[in-house]
Protein backbone atom coordinates (compact mmCIF):
# COMPACT_ATOMS: atom_id res chain seq x y z
CA MET A 1 -12.78 18.06 -6.16
CA LEU A 2 -12.81 14.27 -6.11
CA ILE A 3 -12.63 12.08 -3.00
CA ILE A 4 -11.59 8.50 -3.73
CA GLU A 5 -12.16 6.52 -0.54
CA ASN A 6 -13.67 3.13 0.30
CA HIS A 7 -14.56 3.97 3.91
CA VAL A 8 -17.97 5.58 3.61
CA LEU A 9 -18.04 7.29 7.03
CA PHE A 10 -14.69 8.98 6.51
CA ALA A 11 -15.55 9.94 2.93
CA GLU A 12 -18.89 11.45 3.94
CA SER A 13 -17.29 13.40 6.79
CA LEU A 14 -14.62 14.76 4.48
CA GLU A 15 -17.19 15.62 1.81
CA LEU A 16 -19.27 17.52 4.36
CA ALA A 17 -16.26 19.42 5.74
CA LEU A 18 -15.13 20.41 2.25
CA GLY A 19 -18.65 21.53 1.41
CA VAL A 20 -18.69 23.80 4.46
CA GLU A 21 -15.39 25.25 3.21
CA GLY A 22 -17.08 26.08 -0.09
CA TYR A 23 -15.57 23.33 -2.23
CA ASP A 24 -17.61 21.24 -4.65
CA ALA A 25 -16.58 17.74 -3.59
CA ARG A 26 -17.73 14.41 -4.97
CA ARG A 27 -16.80 10.99 -3.60
CA VAL A 28 -16.27 7.66 -5.33
CA ARG A 29 -14.98 4.31 -4.11
CA LEU A 30 -11.43 3.28 -4.97
CA ASP A 31 -12.73 -0.10 -6.17
CA ASP A 32 -15.07 1.66 -8.58
CA VAL A 33 -12.29 3.45 -10.47
CA ALA A 34 -9.34 1.06 -10.11
CA GLY A 35 -10.96 -2.15 -11.25
CA ALA A 36 -11.33 -1.93 -15.02
CA PRO A 37 -8.54 -0.54 -17.25
CA GLY A 38 -9.35 2.96 -18.47
CA GLN A 39 -12.18 3.46 -15.99
CA LEU A 40 -10.21 5.96 -13.90
CA SER A 41 -9.13 7.94 -16.96
CA SER A 42 -12.70 8.18 -18.20
CA THR A 43 -13.88 9.27 -14.73
CA LEU A 44 -11.24 11.99 -14.61
CA ALA A 45 -12.11 13.14 -18.13
CA ARG A 46 -15.80 13.33 -17.24
CA LEU A 47 -15.52 15.04 -13.86
CA ARG A 48 -12.36 17.13 -14.53
CA PRO A 49 -11.53 17.57 -10.81
CA ARG A 50 -9.22 20.40 -9.75
CA MET A 51 -7.86 18.20 -6.97
CA VAL A 52 -8.10 14.58 -5.84
CA LEU A 53 -8.00 13.24 -2.29
CA ILE A 54 -7.39 9.50 -2.15
CA GLY A 55 -7.62 7.22 0.87
CA LEU A 56 -4.87 4.63 1.25
CA ASP A 57 -5.14 1.76 3.73
CA PRO A 58 -2.17 0.03 5.36
CA GLY A 59 -0.39 -2.64 3.38
CA PRO A 60 0.87 -2.81 -0.17
CA LEU A 61 -0.14 0.11 -2.38
CA GLY A 62 -1.75 -2.13 -4.96
CA GLN A 63 -4.67 -0.40 -6.66
CA ALA A 64 -3.99 2.94 -4.98
CA ALA A 65 -0.50 3.10 -6.50
CA ARG A 66 -1.91 2.91 -10.01
CA VAL A 67 -4.54 5.50 -9.16
CA VAL A 68 -2.03 7.99 -7.72
CA ARG A 69 0.26 7.57 -10.73
CA THR A 70 -2.56 7.95 -13.25
CA ILE A 71 -4.00 11.07 -11.63
CA ALA A 72 -0.61 12.74 -11.14
CA ALA A 73 0.21 12.14 -14.81
CA THR A 74 -2.71 14.41 -15.76
CA GLY A 75 -1.26 17.28 -13.72
CA THR A 76 -4.12 17.14 -11.21
CA PRO A 77 -2.90 17.67 -7.63
CA VAL A 78 -3.20 14.48 -5.54
CA VAL A 79 -3.27 14.27 -1.75
CA VAL A 80 -3.07 10.85 -0.09
CA VAL A 81 -4.89 10.40 3.22
CA THR A 82 -3.86 7.28 5.10
CA SER A 83 -4.08 5.48 8.42
CA SER A 84 -0.74 3.78 7.71
CA PRO A 85 2.13 4.94 9.95
CA ASP A 86 4.67 3.55 7.46
CA ARG A 87 6.51 6.62 6.20
CA ALA A 88 8.33 4.54 3.59
CA THR A 89 4.92 3.90 2.03
CA TRP A 90 4.30 7.64 2.20
CA GLY A 91 7.53 8.08 0.29
CA GLU A 92 6.27 5.71 -2.39
CA CYS A 93 3.14 7.86 -2.73
CA VAL A 94 5.27 10.99 -3.13
CA ARG A 95 7.46 9.23 -5.70
CA LEU A 96 4.32 8.36 -7.66
CA GLY A 97 3.26 12.01 -7.74
CA ALA A 98 1.31 12.76 -4.56
CA ARG A 99 1.73 16.40 -3.48
CA GLN A 100 1.32 15.50 0.19
CA VAL A 101 0.46 12.59 2.46
CA VAL A 102 -1.73 13.29 5.51
CA SER A 103 -2.31 10.84 8.34
CA LYS A 104 -5.92 10.11 9.27
CA THR A 105 -4.86 10.47 12.90
CA ARG A 106 -4.24 14.19 12.34
CA PRO A 107 -6.97 16.78 13.01
CA LEU A 108 -9.27 17.39 10.05
CA ASN A 109 -8.12 21.01 9.95
CA ASP A 110 -4.63 19.83 8.97
CA LEU A 111 -6.02 18.21 5.84
CA LEU A 112 -8.19 21.23 5.09
CA ALA A 113 -5.12 23.46 5.40
CA VAL A 114 -3.35 21.34 2.75
CA VAL A 115 -6.39 21.62 0.48
CA ARG A 116 -6.49 25.41 0.89
CA ARG A 117 -2.81 25.81 0.05
CA LEU A 118 -3.07 23.59 -3.01
CA HIS A 119 -6.20 25.44 -4.10
CA HIS A 120 -4.19 28.67 -4.09
CA GLY A 121 -1.22 27.09 -5.87
CA LEU A 122 1.02 27.07 -2.79
CA PRO A 123 3.54 24.33 -1.90
CA VAL A 124 2.45 21.82 0.76
CA LEU A 125 5.54 19.64 1.16
CA GLN A 126 8.90 21.00 2.25
CA VAL A 127 11.94 19.90 0.26
CA SER A 128 13.56 18.38 3.35
CA GLU A 129 10.43 16.35 4.17
CA ARG A 130 10.15 15.14 0.59
CA GLU A 131 13.78 14.04 0.55
CA GLU A 132 13.34 12.20 3.86
CA LEU A 133 10.26 10.34 2.63
CA LEU A 134 11.97 9.36 -0.60
CA ARG A 135 15.02 8.18 1.34
CA LEU A 136 12.84 5.94 3.53
CA TRP A 137 11.13 4.51 0.45
CA GLN A 138 14.49 3.82 -1.18
CA GLU A 139 15.76 2.01 1.93
CA GLN A 140 12.60 -0.08 2.11
CA ARG A 141 12.89 -0.97 -1.57
CA HIS A 142 16.45 -2.22 -1.09
CA ASP A 143 15.35 -4.19 1.97
CA HIS A 144 12.51 -5.81 0.04
CA GLU A 145 14.82 -6.66 -2.85
CA ASP A 146 17.14 -8.44 -0.42
CA LEU A 147 14.23 -10.38 1.11
CA ARG A 148 12.96 -11.42 -2.32
CA ARG A 149 16.43 -12.71 -3.21
CA ARG A 150 16.35 -14.84 -0.07
CA LEU A 151 12.91 -16.17 -0.95
CA GLU A 152 14.21 -17.15 -4.38
CA LEU A 153 16.67 -19.51 -2.64
CA LEU A 154 13.81 -21.72 -1.46
CA THR A 155 13.33 -25.03 -3.20
CA THR A 156 9.98 -25.88 -4.74
CA ARG A 157 9.09 -28.01 -1.73
CA GLU A 158 10.14 -25.27 0.71
CA GLN A 159 7.97 -22.80 -1.18
CA GLU A 160 5.01 -25.14 -0.75
CA VAL A 161 5.70 -25.44 2.97
CA LEU A 162 5.99 -21.67 3.37
CA GLN A 163 2.69 -21.27 1.53
CA GLY A 164 1.12 -23.65 4.01
CA LEU A 165 2.49 -21.63 6.93
CA MET A 166 1.11 -18.46 5.35
CA ARG A 167 -2.33 -20.08 5.26
CA GLY A 168 -2.01 -20.76 8.98
CA SER A 169 -1.49 -24.52 8.62
CA LEU A 170 0.41 -26.38 11.32
CA VAL A 171 3.38 -28.63 10.56
CA ARG A 172 1.27 -31.74 11.10
CA ASP A 173 -1.36 -30.43 8.67
CA ILE A 174 1.25 -29.72 6.00
CA ALA A 175 2.75 -33.19 6.54
CA ARG A 176 -0.64 -34.87 6.22
CA GLU A 177 -1.54 -32.93 3.06
CA SER A 178 1.82 -33.73 1.47
CA VAL A 179 1.86 -37.37 2.66
CA VAL A 180 5.25 -37.01 4.36
CA SER A 181 6.39 -37.28 7.96
CA GLU A 182 6.25 -34.35 10.37
CA ALA A 183 10.02 -34.71 10.83
CA THR A 184 10.48 -34.09 7.10
CA VAL A 185 8.38 -30.94 7.21
CA ARG A 186 10.21 -29.70 10.32
CA THR A 187 13.53 -30.15 8.49
CA GLN A 188 12.13 -28.13 5.58
CA VAL A 189 10.94 -25.41 7.96
CA LYS A 190 14.41 -25.19 9.50
CA SER A 191 15.89 -24.78 6.05
CA ILE A 192 13.38 -22.01 5.26
CA LEU A 193 14.28 -20.15 8.45
CA ALA A 194 18.00 -20.47 7.74
CA LYS A 195 17.68 -19.17 4.18
CA LEU A 196 15.54 -16.23 5.29
CA GLY A 197 17.79 -15.47 8.26
CA VAL A 198 15.02 -15.62 10.87
CA SER A 199 14.40 -17.75 13.94
CA SER A 200 10.65 -18.37 13.87
CA GLN A 201 7.90 -19.45 11.52
CA LEU A 202 6.03 -16.23 12.35
CA SER A 203 8.98 -14.14 11.15
CA ALA A 204 9.23 -16.15 7.92
CA VAL A 205 5.54 -15.64 7.23
CA GLY A 206 5.91 -11.94 8.07
CA ILE A 207 8.68 -11.55 5.49
CA ALA A 208 6.61 -13.25 2.80
CA HIS A 209 3.62 -11.00 3.49
CA ARG A 210 5.79 -7.88 3.74
CA VAL A 211 7.11 -8.23 0.22
CA GLY A 212 3.87 -9.60 -1.24
CA TRP A 213 5.41 -12.99 -2.00
CA TYR A 214 3.32 -15.86 -3.30
CA SER A 215 4.82 -19.09 -4.54
CA ALA A 216 4.59 -19.76 -8.25
CA VAL A 217 4.11 -23.45 -7.47
CA GLY A 218 0.92 -22.98 -5.48
């Protein structure tokens, strides 16, 4: 069994618990297998795990998405363990091939129960729960697509201003860097808020981070 997890304390605790249960578990860091192309495939071919437990932190799936997809494609059961409460993200993991997603806030015995059932070839995710998770993922995807369309309405200059806000720069800092008046930047900020349909700079920045937006002009 393979544990792919960057948090050493959690990984060691899980490795110990699985060892007590009689499983042969080995841990590796997500960064160690998701960095170079082909590295994960070679690791899987070498270790030939019967099951993989992968830790997923809050935020965009990023590297973990590729890892889940690659492992699931081999037919190896994958269980995602996460501290993220975002069930739409859980749905994305299921869509990519994860057999189950377990919250790190749950008792360790809950995760061990999933491992036992998978070890014996038993189902671990009810059809109704799977459908609900996939529905939440689908809704989030549509929402993100709408937000990206709004971001595409920004002019080049508005994109630069939004980038500055994302870096935490104040209006006066953006104005000084761009050699324009603060009034000009404030007008551009108002336009950004109107196009994104929000009422504050914080909300605009939140949207950009939520969909992983970065300006192509920066």
